[in-house]
Every structure is written in C-alpha cells, then in structure tokens.
C-alpha cells in the first residue's frame, strides 16, 4: 500500500500546484467522472460528446481567468493519465483483498 499512498500524495501535490479554484476543479472532476472508457457504458458516444463539451468549458474558463498562463489547460490534462494510473493501482489493491462469503 505504500507505493499507492506515495502515488496518491504525489498526484495531490501536482494537482494542488495548479491552484485550481472551485469552479475549475469542479469542471476537471466532471471530465474525470464522465469517461466513455469505463466498463459498462451503454451510450459511449453520448458520454464522449458530453465530456468534450466539459473539456471545452474548462479550456474556456481557464483561458478567460488566466490569460497569461496558456499552458495551464495542458498541465491540467496531464493529470488525467496520473489519475487513471491511480485508479488502476487502487483497483489492483482492492482485488487483492480476500473476500469472505
């Protein structure tokens, strides 16, 4: 569990360094939650379209609020693979626990 916790703290530090406000963070979280790559998604195209709309909203919000930081949107998007990796590591740890009937 140590490696997973280290990765979680590393992710938290990187995300905090972006200094997103509550609206920016809310849009980022919505993008994360609306992923057509999740297992069992029936309407993947609709989810992808909604996620794209949220990404455009996040890009516009960041551009409007922080016009001097053109690379912020890209840095925010770079957190997505980190988060997916954390999710995979967490799932592996959970599956390793014995299940009692």
PDB file of N, CA and C in Angstrom:
ATOM      1  N   UNK A   1       0.819  -1.208   0.000  1.00  0.00           N
ATOM      2  CA  UNK A   1       0.000   0.000   0.000  1.00  0.00           C
ATOM      3  C   UNK A   1       0.857   1.265   0.000  1.00  0.00           C
ATOM      4  N   UNK A   2       2.124   1.131   0.401  1.00  0.00           N
ATOM      5  CA  UNK A   2       2.988   2.306   0.469  1.00  0.00           C
ATOM      6  C   UNK A   2       3.158   2.990  -0.872  1.00  0.00           C
ATOM      7  N   UNK A   3       3.348   2.200  -1.933  1.00  0.00           N
ATOM      8  CA  UNK A   3       3.527   2.787  -3.259  1.00  0.00           C
ATOM      9  C   UNK A   3       2.270   3.516  -3.709  1.00  0.00           C
ATOM     10  N   UNK A   4       1.115   2.936  -3.411  1.00  0.00           N
ATOM     11  CA  UNK A   4      -0.149   3.579  -3.786  1.00  0.00           C
ATOM     12  C   UNK A   4      -0.323   4.889  -3.030  1.00  0.00           C
ATOM     13  N   UNK A   5      -0.041   4.878  -1.746  1.00  0.00           N
ATOM     14  CA  UNK A   5      -0.160   6.118  -0.965  1.00  0.00           C
ATOM     15  C   UNK A   5       0.818   7.178  -1.447  1.00  0.00           C
ATOM     16  N   UNK A   6       2.037   6.765  -1.760  1.00  0.00           N
ATOM     17  CA  UNK A   6       3.016   7.712  -2.302  1.00  0.00           C
ATOM     18  C   UNK A   6       2.513   8.324  -3.606  1.00  0.00           C
ATOM     19  N   UNK A   7       1.951   7.486  -4.478  1.00  0.00           N
ATOM     20  CA  UNK A   7       1.427   7.969  -5.748  1.00  0.00           C
ATOM     21  C   UNK A   7       0.250   8.915  -5.531  1.00  0.00           C
ATOM     22  N   UNK A   8      -0.584   8.615  -4.541  1.00  0.00           N
ATOM     23  CA  UNK A   8      -1.725   9.485  -4.242  1.00  0.00           C
ATOM     24  C   UNK A   8      -1.267  10.853  -3.745  1.00  0.00           C
ATOM     25  N   UNK A   9      -0.281  10.848  -2.858  1.00  0.00           N
ATOM     26  CA  UNK A   9       0.238  12.127  -2.359  1.00  0.00           C
ATOM     27  C   UNK A   9       0.926  12.907  -3.468  1.00  0.00           C
ATOM     28  N   UNK A  10       1.647  12.215  -4.335  1.00  0.00           N
ATOM     29  CA  UNK A  10       2.312  12.871  -5.467  1.00  0.00           C
ATOM     30  C   UNK A  10       1.270  13.518  -6.378  1.00  0.00           C
ATOM     31  N   UNK A  11       0.210  12.779  -6.676  1.00  0.00           N
ATOM     32  CA  UNK A  11      -0.861  13.326  -7.504  1.00  0.00           C
ATOM     33  C   UNK A  11      -1.488  14.550  -6.831  1.00  0.00           C
ATOM     34  N   UNK A  12      -1.750  14.439  -5.540  1.00  0.00           N
ATOM     35  CA  UNK A  12      -2.364  15.550  -4.801  1.00  0.00           C
ATOM     36  C   UNK A  12      -1.496  16.801  -4.849  1.00  0.00           C
ATOM     37  N   UNK A  13      -0.199  16.616  -4.700  1.00  0.00           N
ATOM     38  CA  UNK A  13       0.714  17.758  -4.760  1.00  0.00           C
ATOM     39  C   UNK A  13       0.714  18.396  -6.148  1.00  0.00           C
ATOM     40  N   UNK A  14       0.731  17.563  -7.189  1.00  0.00           N
ATOM     41  CA  UNK A  14       0.721  18.093  -8.558  1.00  0.00           C
ATOM     42  C   UNK A  14      -0.576  18.821  -8.862  1.00  0.00           C
ATOM     43  N   UNK A  15      -1.689  18.270  -8.396  1.00  0.00           N
ATOM     44  CA  UNK A  15      -2.972  18.922  -8.626  1.00  0.00           C
ATOM     45  C   UNK A  15      -3.061  20.221  -7.836  1.00  0.00           C
ATOM     46  N   UNK A  16      -2.616  20.207  -6.599  1.00  0.00           N
ATOM     47  CA  UNK A  16      -2.644  21.424  -5.773  1.00  0.00           C
ATOM     48  C   UNK A  16      -1.759  22.519  -6.370  1.00  0.00           C
ATOM     49  N   UNK A  17      -0.655  22.118  -6.990  1.00  0.00           N
ATOM     50  CA  UNK A  17       0.260  23.098  -7.591  1.00  0.00           C
ATOM     51  C   UNK A  17      -0.399  23.870  -8.732  1.00  0.00           C
ATOM     52  N   UNK A  18      -1.440  23.311  -9.314  1.00  0.00           N
ATOM     53  CA  UNK A  18      -2.152  24.008 -10.386  1.00  0.00           C
ATOM     54  C   UNK A  18      -3.012  25.142  -9.845  1.00  0.00           C
ATOM     55  N   UNK A  19      -3.298  25.118  -8.546  1.00  0.00           N
ATOM     56  CA  UNK A  19      -4.068  26.166  -7.862  1.00  0.00           C
ATOM     57  C   UNK A  19      -5.412  26.424  -8.536  1.00  0.00           C
ATOM     58  N   UNK A  20      -6.126  25.348  -8.847  1.00  0.00           N
ATOM     59  CA  UNK A  20      -7.452  25.499  -9.453  1.00  0.00           C
ATOM     60  C   UNK A  20      -8.442  25.986  -8.413  1.00  0.00           C
ATOM     61  N   UNK A  21      -9.322  26.888  -8.834  1.00  0.00           N
ATOM     62  CA  UNK A  21     -10.364  27.326  -7.902  1.00  0.00           C
ATOM     63  C   UNK A  21     -11.506  26.309  -7.939  1.00  0.00           C
ATOM     64  N   UNK A  22     -12.555  26.551  -7.172  1.00  0.00           N
ATOM     65  CA  UNK A  22     -13.615  25.552  -7.033  1.00  0.00           C
ATOM     66  C   UNK A  22     -14.329  25.272  -8.354  1.00  0.00           C
ATOM     67  N   UNK A  23     -14.569  26.276  -9.166  1.00  0.00           N
ATOM     68  CA  UNK A  23     -15.246  26.060 -10.452  1.00  0.00           C
ATOM     69  C   UNK A  23     -14.349  25.287 -11.416  1.00  0.00           C
ATOM     70  N   UNK A  24     -13.078  25.633 -11.460  1.00  0.00           N
ATOM     71  CA  UNK A  24     -12.134  24.932 -12.337  1.00  0.00           C
ATOM     72  C   UNK A  24     -11.992  23.470 -11.906  1.00  0.00           C
ATOM     73  N   UNK A  25     -11.894  23.273 -10.608  1.00  0.00           N
ATOM     74  CA  UNK A  25     -11.764  21.916 -10.078  1.00  0.00           C
ATOM     75  C   UNK A  25     -13.034  21.102 -10.323  1.00  0.00           C
ATOM     76  N   UNK A  26     -14.188  21.736 -10.203  1.00  0.00           N
ATOM     77  CA  UNK A  26     -15.453  21.042 -10.454  1.00  0.00           C
ATOM     78  C   UNK A  26     -15.544  20.579 -11.910  1.00  0.00           C
ATOM     79  N   UNK A  27     -15.133  21.424 -12.845  1.00  0.00           N
ATOM     80  CA  UNK A  27     -15.137  21.016 -14.251  1.00  0.00           C
ATOM     81  C   UNK A  27     -14.140  19.891 -14.493  1.00  0.00           C
ATOM     82  N   UNK A  28     -12.980  19.978 -13.871  1.00  0.00           N
ATOM     83  CA  UNK A  28     -11.989  18.908 -14.011  1.00  0.00           C
ATOM     84  C   UNK A  28     -12.557  17.592 -13.483  1.00  0.00           C
ATOM     85  N   UNK A  29     -13.188  17.623 -12.327  1.00  0.00           N
ATOM     86  CA  UNK A  29     -13.769  16.407 -11.747  1.00  0.00           C
ATOM     87  C   UNK A  29     -14.878  15.852 -12.643  1.00  0.00           C
ATOM     88  N   UNK A  30     -15.669  16.716 -13.242  1.00  0.00           N
ATOM     89  CA  UNK A  30     -16.724  16.250 -14.151  1.00  0.00           C
ATOM     90  C   UNK A  30     -16.117  15.557 -15.364  1.00  0.00           C
ATOM     91  N   UNK A  31     -15.026  16.100 -15.881  1.00  0.00           N
ATOM     92  CA  UNK A  31     -14.334  15.472 -17.008  1.00  0.00           C
ATOM     93  C   UNK A  31     -13.841  14.087 -16.608  1.00  0.00           C
ATOM     94  N   UNK A  32     -13.290  13.989 -15.416  1.00  0.00           N
ATOM     95  CA  UNK A  32     -12.776  12.713 -14.927  1.00  0.00           C
ATOM     96  C   UNK A  32     -13.909  11.693 -14.789  1.00  0.00           C
ATOM     97  N   UNK A  33     -15.014  12.117 -14.219  1.00  0.00           N
ATOM     98  CA  UNK A  33     -16.125  11.198 -13.969  1.00  0.00           C
ATOM     99  C   UNK A  33     -16.826  10.755 -15.248  1.00  0.00           C
ATOM    100  N   UNK A  34     -16.864  11.629 -16.228  1.00  0.00           N
ATOM    101  CA  UNK A  34     -17.550  11.301 -17.485  1.00  0.00           C
ATOM    102  C   UNK A  34     -16.541  10.748 -18.486  1.00  0.00           C
ATOM    103  N   UNK A  35     -16.241   9.502 -18.331  1.00  0.00           N
ATOM    104  CA  UNK A  35     -15.281   8.838 -19.215  1.00  0.00           C
ATOM    105  C   UNK A  35     -15.969   7.692 -19.929  1.00  0.00           C
ATOM    106  N   UNK A  36     -15.946   7.736 -21.256  1.00  0.00           N
ATOM    107  CA  UNK A  36     -16.566   6.682 -22.055  1.00  0.00           C
ATOM    108  C   UNK A  36     -15.762   5.391 -21.998  1.00  0.00           C
ATOM    109  N   UNK A  37     -14.566   5.453 -21.435  1.00  0.00           N
ATOM    110  CA  UNK A  37     -13.704   4.279 -21.352  1.00  0.00           C
ATOM    111  C   UNK A  37     -14.080   3.363 -20.198  1.00  0.00           C
ATOM    112  N   UNK A  38     -14.981   3.781 -19.352  1.00  0.00           N
ATOM    113  CA  UNK A  38     -15.391   2.959 -18.210  1.00  0.00           C
ATOM    114  C   UNK A  38     -16.161   1.735 -18.695  1.00  0.00           C
ATOM    115  N   UNK A  39     -15.972   0.657 -17.987  1.00  0.00           N
ATOM    116  CA  UNK A  39     -16.669  -0.583 -18.335  1.00  0.00           C
ATOM    117  C   UNK A  39     -18.173  -0.417 -18.137  1.00  0.00           C
ATOM    118  N   UNK A  40     -18.935  -0.981 -19.037  1.00  0.00           N
ATOM    119  CA  UNK A  40     -20.376  -0.995 -18.896  1.00  0.00           C
ATOM    120  C   UNK A  40     -21.101   0.237 -19.403  1.00  0.00           C
ATOM    121  N   UNK A  41     -20.390   1.160 -20.043  1.00  0.00           N
ATOM    122  CA  UNK A  41     -21.038   2.366 -20.575  1.00  0.00           C
ATOM    123  C   UNK A  41     -21.863   1.969 -21.800  1.00  0.00           C
ATOM    124  N   UNK A  42     -23.156   2.245 -21.749  1.00  0.00           N
ATOM    125  CA  UNK A  42     -24.045   1.858 -22.845  1.00  0.00           C
ATOM    126  C   UNK A  42     -24.044   2.897 -23.974  1.00  0.00           C
ATOM    127  N   UNK A  43     -23.971   4.145 -23.635  1.00  0.00           N
ATOM    128  CA  UNK A  43     -24.036   5.222 -24.624  1.00  0.00           C
ATOM    129  C   UNK A  43     -22.696   5.944 -24.677  1.00  0.00           C
ATOM    130  N   UNK A  44     -21.662   5.239 -25.097  1.00  0.00           N
ATOM    131  CA  UNK A  44     -20.306   5.783 -25.081  1.00  0.00           C
ATOM    132  C   UNK A  44     -20.184   7.062 -25.910  1.00  0.00           C
ATOM    133  N   UNK A  45     -20.853   7.118 -27.048  1.00  0.00           N
ATOM    134  CA  UNK A  45     -20.768   8.311 -27.901  1.00  0.00           C
ATOM    135  C   UNK A  45     -21.357   9.534 -27.211  1.00  0.00           C
ATOM    136  N   UNK A  46     -22.462   9.352 -26.521  1.00  0.00           N
ATOM    137  CA  UNK A  46     -23.095  10.457 -25.804  1.00  0.00           C
ATOM    138  C   UNK A  46     -22.204  10.923 -24.655  1.00  0.00           C
ATOM    139  N   UNK A  47     -21.579   9.974 -23.971  1.00  0.00           N
ATOM    140  CA  UNK A  47     -20.678  10.322 -22.868  1.00  0.00           C
ATOM    141  C   UNK A  47     -19.461  11.071 -23.413  1.00  0.00           C
ATOM    142  N   UNK A  48     -18.914  10.603 -24.526  1.00  0.00           N
ATOM    143  CA  UNK A  48     -17.771  11.290 -25.145  1.00  0.00           C
ATOM    144  C   UNK A  48     -18.136  12.715 -25.536  1.00  0.00           C
ATOM    145  N   UNK A  49     -19.323  12.901 -26.098  1.00  0.00           N
ATOM    146  CA  UNK A  49     -19.762  14.235 -26.504  1.00  0.00           C
ATOM    147  C   UNK A  49     -19.900  15.151 -25.298  1.00  0.00           C
ATOM    148  N   UNK A  50     -20.469  14.634 -24.227  1.00  0.00           N
ATOM    149  CA  UNK A  50     -20.614  15.441 -23.010  1.00  0.00           C
ATOM    150  C   UNK A  50     -19.245  15.767 -22.409  1.00  0.00           C
ATOM    151  N   UNK A  51     -18.349  14.783 -22.409  1.00  0.00           N
ATOM    152  CA  UNK A  51     -17.003  15.031 -21.893  1.00  0.00           C
ATOM    153  C   UNK A  51     -16.288  16.096 -22.729  1.00  0.00           C
ATOM    154  N   UNK A  52     -16.456  16.048 -24.034  1.00  0.00           N
ATOM    155  CA  UNK A  52     -15.830  17.050 -24.906  1.00  0.00           C
ATOM    156  C   UNK A  52     -16.382  18.442 -24.618  1.00  0.00           C
ATOM    157  N   UNK A  53     -17.681  18.521 -24.368  1.00  0.00           N
ATOM    158  CA  UNK A  53     -18.291  19.808 -24.008  1.00  0.00           C
ATOM    159  C   UNK A  53     -17.691  20.341 -22.711  1.00  0.00           C
ATOM    160  N   UNK A  54     -17.508  19.459 -21.736  1.00  0.00           N
ATOM    161  CA  UNK A  54     -16.915  19.869 -20.459  1.00  0.00           C
ATOM    162  C   UNK A  54     -15.459  20.289 -20.639  1.00  0.00           C
ATOM    163  N   UNK A  55     -14.719  19.586 -21.480  1.00  0.00           N
ATOM    164  CA  UNK A  55     -13.329  19.968 -21.756  1.00  0.00           C
ATOM    165  C   UNK A  55     -13.264  21.356 -22.392  1.00  0.00           C
ATOM    166  N   UNK A  56     -14.163  21.626 -23.324  1.00  0.00           N
ATOM    167  CA  UNK A  56     -14.202  22.955 -23.951  1.00  0.00           C
ATOM    168  C   UNK A  56     -14.544  24.031 -22.930  1.00  0.00           C
ATOM    169  N   UNK A  57     -15.470  23.716 -22.021  1.00  0.00           N
ATOM    170  CA  UNK A  57     -15.840  24.672 -20.974  1.00  0.00           C
ATOM    171  C   UNK A  57     -14.654  24.938 -20.049  1.00  0.00           C
ATOM    172  N   UNK A  58     -13.927  23.882 -19.700  1.00  0.00           N
ATOM    173  CA  UNK A  58     -12.750  24.054 -18.839  1.00  0.00           C
ATOM    174  C   UNK A  58     -11.686  24.881 -19.546  1.00  0.00           C
ATOM    175  N   UNK A  59     -11.450  24.590 -20.815  1.00  0.00           N
ATOM    176  CA  UNK A  59     -10.453  25.362 -21.583  1.00  0.00           C
ATOM    177  C   UNK A  59     -10.844  26.838 -21.633  1.00  0.00           C
ATOM    178  N   UNK A  60     -12.113  27.115 -21.903  1.00  0.00           N
ATOM    179  CA  UNK A  60     -12.586  28.498 -21.994  1.00  0.00           C
ATOM    180  C   UNK A  60     -12.477  29.205 -20.648  1.00  0.00           C
ATOM    181  N   UNK A  61     -12.838  28.509 -19.579  1.00  0.00           N
ATOM    182  CA  UNK A  61     -12.770  29.108 -18.246  1.00  0.00           C
ATOM    183  C   UNK A  61     -11.331  29.444 -17.871  1.00  0.00           C
ATOM    184  N   UNK A  62     -10.418  28.517 -18.116  1.00  0.00           N
ATOM    185  CA  UNK A  62      -9.009  28.765 -17.798  1.00  0.00           C
ATOM    186  C   UNK A  62      -8.445  29.892 -18.659  1.00  0.00           C
ATOM    187  N   UNK A  63      -8.806  29.924 -19.927  1.00  0.00           N
ATOM    188  CA  UNK A  63      -8.309  30.974 -20.825  1.00  0.00           C
ATOM    189  C   UNK A  63      -8.823  32.348 -20.397  1.00  0.00           C
ATOM    190  N   UNK A  64     -10.074  32.394 -19.946  1.00  0.00           N
ATOM    191  CA  UNK A  64     -10.656  33.671 -19.530  1.00  0.00           C
ATOM    192  C   UNK A  64     -10.068  34.158 -18.210  1.00  0.00           C
ATOM    193  N   UNK A  65      -9.902  33.234 -17.261  1.00  0.00           N
ATOM    194  CA  UNK A  65      -9.447  33.635 -15.934  1.00  0.00           C
ATOM    195  C   UNK A  65      -7.930  33.796 -15.838  1.00  0.00           C
ATOM    196  N   UNK A  66      -7.205  33.047 -16.652  1.00  0.00           N
ATOM    197  CA  UNK A  66      -5.741  33.072 -16.570  1.00  0.00           C
ATOM    198  C   UNK A  66      -5.130  33.212 -17.965  1.00  0.00           C
ATOM    199  N   UNK A  67      -5.375  34.332 -18.593  1.00  0.00           N
ATOM    200  CA  UNK A  67      -4.888  34.511 -19.974  1.00  0.00           C
ATOM    201  C   UNK A  67      -3.363  34.495 -20.091  1.00  0.00           C
ATOM    202  N   UNK A  68      -2.665  34.769 -19.015  1.00  0.00           N
ATOM    203  CA  UNK A  68      -1.196  34.785 -19.057  1.00  0.00           C
ATOM    204  C   UNK A  68      -0.583  33.399 -18.892  1.00  0.00           C
ATOM    205  N   UNK A  69      -1.405  32.377 -18.649  1.00  0.00           N
ATOM    206  CA  UNK A  69      -0.897  31.019 -18.444  1.00  0.00           C
ATOM    207  C   UNK A  69      -1.489  30.090 -19.503  1.00  0.00           C
ATOM    208  N   UNK A  70      -0.979  30.212 -20.718  1.00  0.00           N
ATOM    209  CA  UNK A  70      -1.516  29.459 -21.854  1.00  0.00           C
ATOM    210  C   UNK A  70      -1.331  27.953 -21.704  1.00  0.00           C
ATOM    211  N   UNK A  71      -0.359  27.514 -20.924  1.00  0.00           N
ATOM    212  CA  UNK A  71      -0.098  26.088 -20.778  1.00  0.00           C
ATOM    213  C   UNK A  71      -0.866  25.411 -19.658  1.00  0.00           C
ATOM    214  N   UNK A  72      -1.693  26.152 -18.948  1.00  0.00           N
ATOM    215  CA  UNK A  72      -2.399  25.579 -17.800  1.00  0.00           C
ATOM    216  C   UNK A  72      -3.348  24.457 -18.217  1.00  0.00           C
ATOM    217  N   UNK A  73      -4.095  24.655 -19.285  1.00  0.00           N
ATOM    218  CA  UNK A  73      -5.039  23.618 -19.720  1.00  0.00           C
ATOM    219  C   UNK A  73      -4.297  22.314 -20.015  1.00  0.00           C
ATOM    220  N   UNK A  74      -3.170  22.409 -20.685  1.00  0.00           N
ATOM    221  CA  UNK A  74      -2.374  21.212 -20.988  1.00  0.00           C
ATOM    222  C   UNK A  74      -1.875  20.552 -19.704  1.00  0.00           C
ATOM    223  N   UNK A  75      -1.444  21.357 -18.739  1.00  0.00           N
ATOM    224  CA  UNK A  75      -0.968  20.794 -17.474  1.00  0.00           C
ATOM    225  C   UNK A  75      -2.101  20.109 -16.704  1.00  0.00           C
ATOM    226  N   UNK A  76      -3.299  20.675 -16.803  1.00  0.00           N
ATOM    227  CA  UNK A  76      -4.462  20.038 -16.163  1.00  0.00           C
ATOM    228  C   UNK A  76      -4.738  18.697 -16.831  1.00  0.00           C
ATOM    229  N   UNK A  77      -4.709  18.663 -18.152  1.00  0.00           N
ATOM    230  CA  UNK A  77      -4.960  17.415 -18.874  1.00  0.00           C
ATOM    231  C   UNK A  77      -3.906  16.357 -18.571  1.00  0.00           C
ATOM    232  N   UNK A  78      -2.698  16.765 -18.262  1.00  0.00           N
ATOM    233  CA  UNK A  78      -1.645  15.810 -17.922  1.00  0.00           C
ATOM    234  C   UNK A  78      -1.919  15.086 -16.609  1.00  0.00           C
ATOM    235  N   UNK A  79      -2.825  15.599 -15.827  1.00  0.00           N
ATOM    236  CA  UNK A  79      -3.192  14.917 -14.581  1.00  0.00           C
ATOM    237  C   UNK A  79      -4.119  13.727 -14.838  1.00  0.00           C
ATOM    238  N   UNK A  80      -4.784  13.705 -15.983  1.00  0.00           N
ATOM    239  CA  UNK A  80      -5.717  12.615 -16.289  1.00  0.00           C
ATOM    240  C   UNK A  80      -5.034  11.250 -16.343  1.00  0.00           C
ATOM    241  N   UNK A  81      -3.928  11.082 -17.062  1.00  0.00           N
ATOM    242  CA  UNK A  81      -3.274   9.762 -17.044  1.00  0.00           C
ATOM    243  C   UNK A  81      -2.794   9.364 -15.646  1.00  0.00           C
ATOM    244  N   UNK A  82      -2.336  10.351 -14.873  1.00  0.00           N
ATOM    245  CA  UNK A  82      -1.918  10.063 -13.493  1.00  0.00           C
ATOM    246  C   UNK A  82      -3.094   9.511 -12.690  1.00  0.00           C
ATOM    247  N   UNK A  83      -4.241  10.132 -12.870  1.00  0.00           N
ATOM    248  CA  UNK A  83      -5.426   9.713 -12.130  1.00  0.00           C
ATOM    249  C   UNK A  83      -5.892   8.322 -12.569  1.00  0.00           C
ATOM    250  N   UNK A  84      -5.812   8.055 -13.858  1.00  0.00           N
ATOM    251  CA  UNK A  84      -6.179   6.719 -14.348  1.00  0.00           C
ATOM    252  C   UNK A  84      -5.236   5.658 -13.790  1.00  0.00           C
ATOM    253  N   UNK A  85      -3.964   5.995 -13.708  1.00  0.00           N
ATOM    254  CA  UNK A  85      -2.987   5.075 -13.139  1.00  0.00           C
ATOM    255  C   UNK A  85      -3.296   4.803 -11.665  1.00  0.00           C
ATOM    256  N   UNK A  86      -3.632   5.845 -10.926  1.00  0.00           N
ATOM    257  CA  UNK A  86      -4.019   5.674  -9.523  1.00  0.00           C
ATOM    258  C   UNK A  86      -5.249   4.777  -9.405  1.00  0.00           C
ATOM    259  N   UNK A  87      -6.203   4.984 -10.273  1.00  0.00           N
ATOM    260  CA  UNK A  87      -7.413   4.174 -10.257  1.00  0.00           C
ATOM    261  C   UNK A  87      -7.077   2.700 -10.494  1.00  0.00           C
ATOM    262  N   UNK A  88      -6.201   2.451 -11.454  1.00  0.00           N
ATOM    263  CA  UNK A  88      -5.799   1.073 -11.759  1.00  0.00           C
ATOM    264  C   UNK A  88      -5.066   0.444 -10.572  1.00  0.00           C
ATOM    265  N   UNK A  89      -4.147   1.194  -9.967  1.00  0.00           N
ATOM    266  CA  UNK A  89      -3.403   0.688  -8.811  1.00  0.00           C
ATOM    267  C   UNK A  89      -4.355   0.388  -7.647  1.00  0.00           C
ATOM    268  N   UNK A  90      -5.311   1.275  -7.433  1.00  0.00           N
ATOM    269  CA  UNK A  90      -6.260   1.101  -6.345  1.00  0.00           C
ATOM    270  C   UNK A  90      -7.117  -0.136  -6.584  1.00  0.00           C
ATOM    271  N   UNK A  91      -7.578  -0.309  -7.812  1.00  0.00           N
ATOM    272  CA  UNK A  91      -8.390  -1.482  -8.142  1.00  0.00           C
ATOM    273  C   UNK A  91      -7.602  -2.771  -7.924  1.00  0.00           C
ATOM    274  N   UNK A  92      -6.330  -2.771  -8.285  1.00  0.00           N
ATOM    275  CA  UNK A  92      -5.494  -3.954  -8.075  1.00  0.00           C
ATOM    276  C   UNK A  92      -5.371  -4.275  -6.592  1.00  0.00           C
ATOM    277  N   UNK A  93      -5.199  -3.259  -5.776  1.00  0.00           N
ATOM    278  CA  UNK A  93      -5.110  -3.471  -4.325  1.00  0.00           C
ATOM    279  C   UNK A  93      -6.415  -4.017  -3.763  1.00  0.00           C
ATOM    280  N   UNK A  94      -7.525  -3.464  -4.228  1.00  0.00           N
ATOM    281  CA  UNK A  94      -8.832  -3.922  -3.745  1.00  0.00           C
ATOM    282  C   UNK A  94      -9.076  -5.372  -4.142  1.00  0.00           C
ATOM    283  N   UNK A  95      -8.693  -5.743  -5.358  1.00  0.00           N
ATOM    284  CA  UNK A  95      -8.903  -7.113  -5.811  1.00  0.00           C
ATOM    285  C   UNK A  95      -8.024  -8.103  -5.077  1.00  0.00           C
ATOM    286  N   UNK A  96      -6.955  -7.620  -4.471  1.00  0.00           N
ATOM    287  CA  UNK A  96      -6.045  -8.499  -3.746  1.00  0.00           C
ATOM    288  C   UNK A  96      -6.588  -8.887  -2.371  1.00  0.00           C
ATOM    289  N   UNK A  97      -7.564  -8.131  -1.866  1.00  0.00           N
ATOM    290  CA  UNK A  97      -8.144  -8.458  -0.567  1.00  0.00           C
ATOM    291  C   UNK A  97      -8.977  -9.722  -0.660  1.00  0.00           C
ATOM    292  N   UNK A  98      -8.851 -10.598   0.323  1.00  0.00           N
ATOM    293  CA  UNK A  98      -9.679 -11.811   0.315  1.00  0.00           C
ATOM    294  C   UNK A  98     -11.146 -11.452   0.578  1.00  0.00           C
ATOM    295  N   UNK A  99     -12.023 -12.158  -0.102  1.00  0.00           N
ATOM    296  CA  UNK A  99     -13.451 -11.924   0.061  1.00  0.00           C
ATOM    297  C   UNK A  99     -14.046 -13.117   0.816  1.00  0.00           C
ATOM    298  N   UNK A 100     -14.716 -12.817   1.914  1.00  0.00           N
ATOM    299  CA  UNK A 100     -15.360 -13.867   2.703  1.00  0.00           C
ATOM    300  C   UNK A 100     -16.813 -13.983   2.308  1.00  0.00           C
ATOM    301  N   UNK A 101     -17.318 -15.201   2.214  1.00  0.00           N
ATOM    302  CA  UNK A 101     -18.739 -15.379   1.849  1.00  0.00           C
ATOM    303  C   UNK A 101     -19.685 -14.938   2.942  1.00  0.00           C
TER     304      UNK A 101
END
